[in-house]
Amino acid sequence: MAGHSKWKNIQHRKNAQDAKRGKLFMKLAKEIYVAAKEGGSDLATNSSLRNIVDKARNQNMPNDNIERAIKKASGDVDGAHYEEFTYEGYGAGGVAVMVRVLTDNKNRTAAAVRHAFTKNQGNLGENGCVSFMFTRKGIIHIPVEQVTDEEDFMLQAVEAGAEDYEKAEDEYVLYTSPEDFSDALAVVKETVTPTLAEVTFIPETTAHVDGETATKVMALIDQLEDDDDVQAVYTNVDADDDVLQNL
């Protein structure tokens, strides 16, 4: 799992920016809506919904917002009908980029995504052009100070389904398969409080960029994530810490 810390740091930076822009709750509400629409509104039987609700609560999303999204999916409240799509392409320097969207207007979203790639010297490609570079994994971030016995804690996590872990600065990062994510998270939450827990896409290899190229790549990510229809942007970009700080 070496090399994922750079990706993690970028994700944390982007998550913080989303929260500041006030878009995070809206995007989480869409996630909850789709999960409830596809698997039902019962958290006990719908693990996808349960995971997203846990993530929303971890981000301090009000319960009223969560319940409203579930009711919309159940037909109790009128609401838009969202479809999920993934766009793939390359940013400056050949960086791989995947964009997951939930939209009620595919034409509008497709045009906005294409414009973002073009404006920032990227290229929107066909489905499958970069997805093979990523692996879908569950990740759970745990502050180091919450773990009193690393060996015992990790043994419990592995027994619950964790495949691997790494220690990155002031936290541990557990990795699971998507199927084992819920069970592993439940065991972890018995003794600690994760700072981040989700199923996401992790790059198998990274593309190192610096200077102007890094600026263009991050501008592309910023523009994509600023779009209300974009739920997540996955990339294999790698840049030195001082470059990221300057950005």
C-alpha atoms as a PDB file:
ATOM      1  CA  MET A   1       0.000   0.000   0.000  1.00  0.00           C
ATOM      2  CA  ALA A   2       3.002   2.301  -0.214  1.00  0.00           C
ATOM      3  CA  GLY A   3       2.440   5.574  -2.032  1.00  0.00           C
ATOM      4  CA  HIS A   4      -1.166   6.092  -1.018  1.00  0.00           C
ATOM      5  CA  SER A   5      -0.351   8.781   1.535  1.00  0.00           C
ATOM      6  CA  LYS A   6       0.029  11.416  -1.197  1.00  0.00           C
ATOM      7  CA  TRP A   7      -3.409  10.514  -2.500  1.00  0.00           C
ATOM      8  CA  LYS A   8      -4.807  10.648   1.025  1.00  0.00           C
ATOM      9  CA  ASN A   9      -3.374  14.109   1.654  1.00  0.00           C
ATOM     10  CA  ILE A  10      -4.891  15.442  -1.559  1.00  0.00           C
ATOM     11  CA  GLN A  11      -8.248  13.885  -0.651  1.00  0.00           C
ATOM     12  CA  HIS A  12      -8.185  15.528   2.775  1.00  0.00           C
ATOM     13  CA  ARG A  13      -7.377  18.871   1.183  1.00  0.00           C
ATOM     14  CA  LYS A  14     -10.239  18.520  -1.261  1.00  0.00           C
ATOM     15  CA  ASN A  15     -12.712  17.349   1.387  1.00  0.00           C
ATOM     16  CA  ALA A  16     -11.903  20.416   3.482  1.00  0.00           C
ATOM     17  CA  GLN A  17     -12.442  22.695   0.502  1.00  0.00           C
ATOM     18  CA  ASP A  18     -15.788  21.063  -0.286  1.00  0.00           C
ATOM     19  CA  ALA A  19     -16.962  21.682   3.269  1.00  0.00           C
ATOM     20  CA  LYS A  20     -15.927  25.330   3.097  1.00  0.00           C
ATOM     21  CA  ARG A  21     -17.865  25.761  -0.146  1.00  0.00           C
ATOM     22  CA  GLY A  22     -20.984  24.462   1.515  1.00  0.00           C
ATOM     23  CA  LYS A  23     -21.491  21.729  -1.074  1.00  0.00           C
ATOM     24  CA  LEU A  24     -20.678  18.676   1.003  1.00  0.00           C
ATOM     25  CA  PHE A  25     -24.121  18.163   2.562  1.00  0.00           C
ATOM     26  CA  MET A  26     -25.845  18.438  -0.784  1.00  0.00           C
ATOM     27  CA  LYS A  27     -23.536  15.831  -2.305  1.00  0.00           C
ATOM     28  CA  LEU A  28     -23.989  13.496   0.638  1.00  0.00           C
ATOM     29  CA  ALA A  29     -27.763  13.885   0.342  1.00  0.00           C
ATOM     30  CA  LYS A  30     -27.541  12.710  -3.270  1.00  0.00           C
ATOM     31  CA  GLU A  31     -25.487   9.704  -2.199  1.00  0.00           C
ATOM     32  CA  ILE A  32     -28.051   8.821   0.457  1.00  0.00           C
ATOM     33  CA  TYR A  33     -30.899   9.254  -2.021  1.00  0.00           C
ATOM     34  CA  VAL A  34     -29.366   6.895  -4.585  1.00  0.00           C
ATOM     35  CA  ALA A  35     -28.389   4.262  -2.008  1.00  0.00           C
ATOM     36  CA  ALA A  36     -31.897   4.264  -0.526  1.00  0.00           C
ATOM     37  CA  LYS A  37     -33.483   4.219  -3.983  1.00  0.00           C
ATOM     38  CA  GLU A  38     -31.465   1.185  -5.044  1.00  0.00           C
ATOM     39  CA  GLY A  39     -31.409  -0.837  -1.823  1.00  0.00           C
ATOM     40  CA  GLY A  40     -34.306   0.368   0.320  1.00  0.00           C
ATOM     41  CA  SER A  41     -34.532   2.748   3.254  1.00  0.00           C
ATOM     42  CA  ASP A  42     -33.733   0.247   6.029  1.00  0.00           C
ATOM     43  CA  LEU A  43     -30.199   0.826   7.297  1.00  0.00           C
ATOM     44  CA  ALA A  44     -30.134  -2.627   8.890  1.00  0.00           C
ATOM     45  CA  THR A  45     -30.448  -4.380   5.524  1.00  0.00           C
ATOM     46  CA  ASN A  46     -28.899  -1.796   3.178  1.00  0.00           C
ATOM     47  CA  SER A  47     -25.169  -1.695   3.930  1.00  0.00           C
ATOM     48  CA  SER A  48     -24.477   0.900   1.221  1.00  0.00           C
ATOM     49  CA  LEU A  49     -26.988   3.283   2.761  1.00  0.00           C
ATOM     50  CA  ARG A  50     -25.641   2.581   6.243  1.00  0.00           C
ATOM     51  CA  ASN A  51     -22.079   3.379   5.150  1.00  0.00           C
ATOM     52  CA  ILE A  52     -23.082   6.657   3.527  1.00  0.00           C
ATOM     53  CA  VAL A  53     -25.202   7.702   6.509  1.00  0.00           C
ATOM     54  CA  ASP A  54     -22.228   6.974   8.780  1.00  0.00           C
ATOM     55  CA  LYS A  55     -20.070   9.127   6.539  1.00  0.00           C
ATOM     56  CA  ALA A  56     -22.663  11.920   6.606  1.00  0.00           C
ATOM     57  CA  ARG A  57     -22.894  11.847  10.388  1.00  0.00           C
ATOM     58  CA  ASN A  58     -19.115  11.872  10.622  1.00  0.00           C
ATOM     59  CA  GLN A  59     -19.252  15.127   8.643  1.00  0.00           C
ATOM     60  CA  ASN A  60     -21.857  16.497  11.093  1.00  0.00           C
ATOM     61  CA  MET A  61     -24.667  16.449   8.556  1.00  0.00           C
ATOM     62  CA  PRO A  62     -27.982  17.190  10.374  1.00  0.00           C
ATOM     63  CA  ASN A  63     -30.290  14.207  10.876  1.00  0.00           C
ATOM     64  CA  ASP A  64     -33.135  16.146   9.248  1.00  0.00           C
ATOM     65  CA  ASN A  65     -31.128  16.359   6.009  1.00  0.00           C
ATOM     66  CA  ILE A  66     -30.377  12.640   6.137  1.00  0.00           C
ATOM     67  CA  GLU A  67     -33.987  11.666   6.793  1.00  0.00           C
ATOM     68  CA  ARG A  68     -35.252  13.990   4.053  1.00  0.00           C
ATOM     69  CA  ALA A  69     -32.970  12.358   1.472  1.00  0.00           C
ATOM     70  CA  ILE A  70     -34.163   8.889   2.485  1.00  0.00           C
ATOM     71  CA  LYS A  71     -37.798   9.963   2.314  1.00  0.00           C
ATOM     72  CA  LYS A  72     -37.278  11.360  -1.180  1.00  0.00           C
ATOM     73  CA  ALA A  73     -35.934   8.005  -2.317  1.00  0.00           C
ATOM     74  CA  SER A  74     -38.877   6.234  -0.698  1.00  0.00           C
ATOM     75  CA  GLY A  75     -41.331   8.429  -2.579  1.00  0.00           C
ATOM     76  CA  ASP A  76     -42.562  10.140   0.585  1.00  0.00           C
ATOM     77  CA  VAL A  77     -41.229  13.491  -0.610  1.00  0.00           C
ATOM     78  CA  ASP A  78     -41.104  14.785  -4.162  1.00  0.00           C
ATOM     79  CA  GLY A  79     -37.568  15.127  -5.491  1.00  0.00           C
ATOM     80  CA  ALA A  80     -35.341  14.872  -8.508  1.00  0.00           C
ATOM     81  CA  HIS A  81     -34.425  11.501  -9.957  1.00  0.00           C
ATOM     82  CA  TYR A  82     -30.667  11.115 -10.189  1.00  0.00           C
ATOM     83  CA  GLU A  83     -28.633   8.895 -12.468  1.00  0.00           C
ATOM     84  CA  GLU A  84     -25.043   7.847 -11.799  1.00  0.00           C
ATOM     85  CA  PHE A  85     -22.321   8.053 -14.437  1.00  0.00           C
ATOM     86  CA  THR A  86     -18.542   7.892 -14.504  1.00  0.00           C
ATOM     87  CA  TYR A  87     -16.385   9.912 -16.912  1.00  0.00           C
ATOM     88  CA  GLU A  88     -12.734   9.110 -17.558  1.00  0.00           C
ATOM     89  CA  GLY A  89      -9.885  11.049 -19.054  1.00  0.00           C
ATOM     90  CA  TYR A  90      -6.432  12.540 -18.661  1.00  0.00           C
ATOM     91  CA  GLY A  91      -5.295  15.744 -17.053  1.00  0.00           C
ATOM     92  CA  ALA A  92      -2.118  17.690 -17.840  1.00  0.00           C
ATOM     93  CA  GLY A  93       0.996  15.538 -17.718  1.00  0.00           C
ATOM     94  CA  GLY A  94      -0.962  12.366 -18.489  1.00  0.00           C
ATOM     95  CA  VAL A  95      -2.532  12.183 -15.024  1.00  0.00           C
ATOM     96  CA  ALA A  96      -5.449   9.741 -14.914  1.00  0.00           C
ATOM     97  CA  VAL A  97      -8.785  11.214 -13.809  1.00  0.00           C
ATOM     98  CA  MET A  98     -12.132   9.546 -13.068  1.00  0.00           C
ATOM     99  CA  VAL A  99     -15.210  11.641 -12.342  1.00  0.00           C
ATOM    100  CA  ARG A 100     -18.259  10.141 -10.646  1.00  0.00           C
ATOM    101  CA  VAL A 101     -21.468  12.130 -11.037  1.00  0.00           C
ATOM    102  CA  LEU A 102     -25.069  11.983  -9.886  1.00  0.00           C
ATOM    103  CA  THR A 103     -27.248  14.094 -12.125  1.00  0.00           C
ATOM    104  CA  ASP A 104     -30.825  14.765 -13.145  1.00  0.00           C
ATOM    105  CA  ASN A 105     -29.631  16.163 -16.491  1.00  0.00           C
ATOM    106  CA  LYS A 106     -26.987  14.068 -18.248  1.00  0.00           C
ATOM    107  CA  ASN A 107     -26.496  16.505 -21.138  1.00  0.00           C
ATOM    108  CA  ARG A 108     -25.795  19.408 -18.795  1.00  0.00           C
ATOM    109  CA  THR A 109     -23.318  17.389 -16.750  1.00  0.00           C
ATOM    110  CA  ALA A 110     -21.519  15.902 -19.744  1.00  0.00           C
ATOM    111  CA  ALA A 111     -21.007  19.370 -21.209  1.00  0.00           C
ATOM    112  CA  ALA A 112     -19.677  20.728 -17.912  1.00  0.00           C
ATOM    113  CA  VAL A 113     -17.239  17.839 -17.441  1.00  0.00           C
ATOM    114  CA  ARG A 114     -15.965  18.107 -21.004  1.00  0.00           C
ATOM    115  CA  HIS A 115     -15.498  21.865 -20.619  1.00  0.00           C
ATOM    116  CA  ALA A 116     -13.465  21.375 -17.422  1.00  0.00           C
ATOM    117  CA  PHE A 117     -11.072  18.946 -19.132  1.00  0.00           C
ATOM    118  CA  THR A 118     -10.675  21.170 -22.200  1.00  0.00           C
ATOM    119  CA  LYS A 119     -10.158  24.367 -20.216  1.00  0.00           C
ATOM    120  CA  ASN A 120      -7.401  22.808 -18.107  1.00  0.00           C
ATOM    121  CA  GLN A 121      -5.495  21.127 -20.955  1.00  0.00           C
ATOM    122  CA  GLY A 122      -6.920  17.685 -20.285  1.00  0.00           C
ATOM    123  CA  ASN A 123      -8.666  15.192 -22.530  1.00  0.00           C
ATOM    124  CA  LEU A 124     -11.956  13.418 -21.841  1.00  0.00           C
ATOM    125  CA  GLY A 125     -11.665   9.796 -22.976  1.00  0.00           C
ATOM    126  CA  GLU A 126     -13.789   6.707 -23.470  1.00  0.00           C
ATOM    127  CA  ASN A 127     -15.089   4.575 -20.610  1.00  0.00           C
ATOM    128  CA  GLY A 128     -12.351   2.231 -19.472  1.00  0.00           C
ATOM    129  CA  CYS A 129      -9.434   4.366 -20.625  1.00  0.00           C
ATOM    130  CA  VAL A 130      -8.122   4.930 -17.068  1.00  0.00           C
ATOM    131  CA  SER A 131     -10.333   2.903 -14.713  1.00  0.00           C
ATOM    132  CA  PHE A 132      -8.007  -0.087 -15.015  1.00  0.00           C
ATOM    133  CA  MET A 133      -5.399   1.987 -13.146  1.00  0.00           C
ATOM    134  CA  PHE A 134      -7.552   2.070 -10.000  1.00  0.00           C
ATOM    135  CA  THR A 135      -8.720  -0.474  -7.452  1.00  0.00           C
ATOM    136  CA  ARG A 136     -11.933  -0.070  -5.464  1.00  0.00           C
ATOM    137  CA  LYS A 137     -11.156  -0.281  -1.750  1.00  0.00           C
ATOM    138  CA  GLY A 138     -12.618   0.584   1.599  1.00  0.00           C
ATOM    139  CA  ILE A 139     -10.458   2.952   3.633  1.00  0.00           C
ATOM    140  CA  ILE A 140     -10.715   3.768   7.341  1.00  0.00           C
ATOM    141  CA  HIS A 141      -8.613   6.544   8.894  1.00  0.00           C
ATOM    142  CA  ILE A 142      -7.932   6.341  12.637  1.00  0.00           C
ATOM    143  CA  PRO A 143      -5.990   8.856  14.779  1.00  0.00           C
ATOM    144  CA  VAL A 144      -2.869   7.274  16.272  1.00  0.00           C
ATOM    145  CA  GLU A 145      -3.656   8.565  19.753  1.00  0.00           C
ATOM    146  CA  GLN A 146      -6.869   6.501  19.866  1.00  0.00           C
ATOM    147  CA  VAL A 147      -4.979   3.210  19.490  1.00  0.00           C
ATOM    148  CA  THR A 148      -3.339   2.067  22.714  1.00  0.00           C
ATOM    149  CA  ASP A 149      -2.123  -1.337  21.486  1.00  0.00           C
ATOM    150  CA  GLU A 150      -1.315  -1.308  17.769  1.00  0.00           C
ATOM    151  CA  GLU A 151      -0.724  -5.046  17.423  1.00  0.00           C
ATOM    152  CA  ASP A 152      -3.930  -6.053  19.201  1.00  0.00           C
ATOM    153  CA  PHE A 153      -6.018  -3.445  17.394  1.00  0.00           C
ATOM    154  CA  MET A 154      -4.736  -4.410  13.953  1.00  0.00           C
ATOM    155  CA  LEU A 155      -5.280  -8.099  14.695  1.00  0.00           C
ATOM    156  CA  GLN A 156      -8.934  -7.380  15.454  1.00  0.00           C
ATOM    157  CA  ALA A 157      -9.222  -5.302  12.304  1.00  0.00           C
ATOM    158  CA  VAL A 158      -7.722  -8.060  10.155  1.00  0.00           C
ATOM    159  CA  GLU A 159     -10.086 -10.611  11.672  1.00  0.00           C
ATOM    160  CA  ALA A 160     -12.953  -8.274  10.751  1.00  0.00           C
ATOM    161  CA  GLY A 161     -11.839  -8.020   7.123  1.00  0.00           C
ATOM    162  CA  ALA A 162      -9.046  -5.456   6.893  1.00  0.00           C
ATOM    163  CA  GLU A 163      -6.539  -6.469   4.211  1.00  0.00           C
ATOM    164  CA  ASP A 164      -3.687  -4.131   5.059  1.00  0.00           C
ATOM    165  CA  TYR A 165      -2.814  -0.933   6.873  1.00  0.00           C
ATOM    166  CA  GLU A 166      -0.219   1.804   6.907  1.00  0.00           C
ATOM    167  CA  LYS A 167       0.826   4.400   9.434  1.00  0.00           C
ATOM    168  CA  ALA A 168       0.861   7.868   7.915  1.00  0.00           C
ATOM    169  CA  GLU A 169       2.030  10.698  10.150  1.00  0.00           C
ATOM    170  CA  ASP A 170      -0.594  10.977  12.899  1.00  0.00           C
ATOM    171  CA  GLU A 171      -3.036   8.295  11.781  1.00  0.00           C
ATOM    172  CA  TYR A 172      -3.483   4.712  10.697  1.00  0.00           C
ATOM    173  CA  VAL A 173      -5.133   3.908   7.382  1.00  0.00           C
ATOM    174  CA  LEU A 174      -6.880   0.538   7.094  1.00  0.00           C
ATOM    175  CA  TYR A 175      -7.680  -0.954   3.689  1.00  0.00           C
ATOM    176  CA  THR A 176     -10.514  -3.415   3.053  1.00  0.00           C
ATOM    177  CA  SER A 177     -12.337  -4.935   0.131  1.00  0.00           C
ATOM    178  CA  PRO A 178     -15.646  -3.196  -0.656  1.00  0.00           C
ATOM    179  CA  GLU A 179     -17.491  -6.308   0.531  1.00  0.00           C
ATOM    180  CA  ASP A 180     -15.765  -6.397   3.940  1.00  0.00           C
ATOM    181  CA  PHE A 181     -15.850  -2.647   4.549  1.00  0.00           C
ATOM    182  CA  SER A 182     -19.050  -2.575   6.653  1.00  0.00           C
ATOM    183  CA  ASP A 183     -17.957  -5.398   8.964  1.00  0.00           C
ATOM    184  CA  ALA A 184     -14.478  -3.954   9.454  1.00  0.00           C
ATOM    185  CA  LEU A 185     -15.876  -0.495  10.142  1.00  0.00           C
ATOM    186  CA  ALA A 186     -18.321  -1.862  12.707  1.00  0.00           C
ATOM    187  CA  VAL A 187     -15.510  -3.587  14.605  1.00  0.00           C
ATOM    188  CA  VAL A 188     -13.288  -0.513  14.467  1.00  0.00           C
ATOM    189  CA  LYS A 189     -16.047   1.758  15.782  1.00  0.00           C
ATOM    190  CA  GLU A 190     -16.392  -0.410  18.892  1.00  0.00           C
ATOM    191  CA  THR A 191     -13.176   1.067  20.272  1.00  0.00           C
ATOM    192  CA  VAL A 192     -12.212   4.129  18.190  1.00  0.00           C
ATOM    193  CA  THR A 193     -13.794   6.943  16.174  1.00  0.00           C
ATOM    194  CA  PRO A 194     -12.593   7.063  12.540  1.00  0.00           C
ATOM    195  CA  THR A 195     -11.950  10.474  11.009  1.00  0.00           C
ATOM    196  CA  LEU A 196     -12.761   9.183   7.533  1.00  0.00           C
ATOM    197  CA  ALA A 197     -14.364   5.948   6.342  1.00  0.00           C
ATOM    198  CA  GLU A 198     -15.548   5.275   2.807  1.00  0.00           C
ATOM    199  CA  VAL A 199     -15.345   3.003  -0.202  1.00  0.00           C
ATOM    200  CA  THR A 200     -13.323   4.732  -2.886  1.00  0.00           C
ATOM    201  CA  PHE A 201     -10.909   4.212  -5.777  1.00  0.00           C
ATOM    202  CA  ILE A 202      -7.174   4.025  -5.088  1.00  0.00           C
ATOM    203  CA  PRO A 203      -4.572   4.283  -7.882  1.00  0.00           C
ATOM    204  CA  GLU A 204      -2.312   1.297  -8.479  1.00  0.00           C
ATOM    205  CA  THR A 205       0.439   3.600  -9.741  1.00  0.00           C
ATOM    206  CA  THR A 206       0.916   7.356  -9.537  1.00  0.00           C
ATOM    207  CA  ALA A 207       1.940  10.047 -12.038  1.00  0.00           C
ATOM    208  CA  HIS A 208       4.389  12.565 -10.626  1.00  0.00           C
ATOM    209  CA  VAL A 209       3.943  16.199 -11.686  1.00  0.00           C
ATOM    210  CA  ASP A 210       5.380  19.497 -10.528  1.00  0.00           C
ATOM    211  CA  GLY A 211       5.348  23.197 -11.277  1.00  0.00           C
ATOM    212  CA  GLU A 212       2.912  24.427 -13.901  1.00  0.00           C
ATOM    213  CA  THR A 213       1.670  20.919 -14.674  1.00  0.00           C
ATOM    214  CA  ALA A 214       0.646  20.371 -11.053  1.00  0.00           C
ATOM    215  CA  THR A 215      -1.168  23.709 -11.089  1.00  0.00           C
ATOM    216  CA  LYS A 216      -3.160  22.683 -14.170  1.00  0.00           C
ATOM    217  CA  VAL A 217      -4.069  19.296 -12.707  1.00  0.00           C
ATOM    218  CA  MET A 218      -5.294  20.790  -9.445  1.00  0.00           C
ATOM    219  CA  ALA A 219      -7.226  23.464 -11.357  1.00  0.00           C
ATOM    220  CA  LEU A 220      -9.005  20.669 -13.241  1.00  0.00           C
ATOM    221  CA  ILE A 221      -9.840  18.862  -9.997  1.00  0.00           C
ATOM    222  CA  ASP A 222     -11.054  22.109  -8.412  1.00  0.00           C
ATOM    223  CA  GLN A 223     -13.349  22.911 -11.321  1.00  0.00           C
ATOM    224  CA  LEU A 224     -14.778  19.402 -11.452  1.00  0.00           C
ATOM    225  CA  GLU A 225     -15.406  19.204  -7.714  1.00  0.00           C
ATOM    226  CA  ASP A 226     -17.022  22.632  -7.729  1.00  0.00           C
ATOM    227  CA  ASP A 227     -19.742  21.252 -10.023  1.00  0.00           C
ATOM    228  CA  ASP A 228     -22.876  20.355  -8.068  1.00  0.00           C
ATOM    229  CA  ASP A 229     -23.350  17.171 -10.099  1.00  0.00           C
ATOM    230  CA  VAL A 230     -19.868  15.810  -9.370  1.00  0.00           C
ATOM    231  CA  GLN A 231     -19.741  13.501  -6.361  1.00  0.00           C
ATOM    232  CA  ALA A 232     -16.082  12.531  -6.445  1.00  0.00           C
ATOM    233  CA  VAL A 233     -12.916  12.922  -8.481  1.00  0.00           C
ATOM    234  CA  TYR A 234     -10.323  10.141  -8.411  1.00  0.00           C
ATOM    235  CA  THR A 235      -6.823  10.718  -9.706  1.00  0.00           C
ATOM    236  CA  ASN A 236      -3.372   9.151  -9.629  1.00  0.00           C
ATOM    237  CA  VAL A 237      -1.609  12.514  -9.352  1.00  0.00           C
ATOM    238  CA  ASP A 238       1.494  12.648  -7.180  1.00  0.00           C
ATOM    239  CA  ALA A 239       3.243  15.890  -6.263  1.00  0.00           C
ATOM    240  CA  ASP A 240       5.796  16.938  -3.667  1.00  0.00           C
ATOM    241  CA  ASP A 241       4.436  18.371  -0.423  1.00  0.00           C
ATOM    242  CA  ASP A 242       5.913  21.813  -1.051  1.00  0.00           C
ATOM    243  CA  VAL A 243       4.161  21.979  -4.428  1.00  0.00           C
ATOM    244  CA  LEU A 244       0.819  21.064  -2.885  1.00  0.00           C
ATOM    245  CA  GLN A 245       1.270  23.627  -0.127  1.00  0.00           C
ATOM    246  CA  ASN A 246       1.953  26.353  -2.680  1.00  0.00           C
ATOM    247  CA  LEU A 247      -1.205  25.409  -4.522  1.00  0.00           C
END
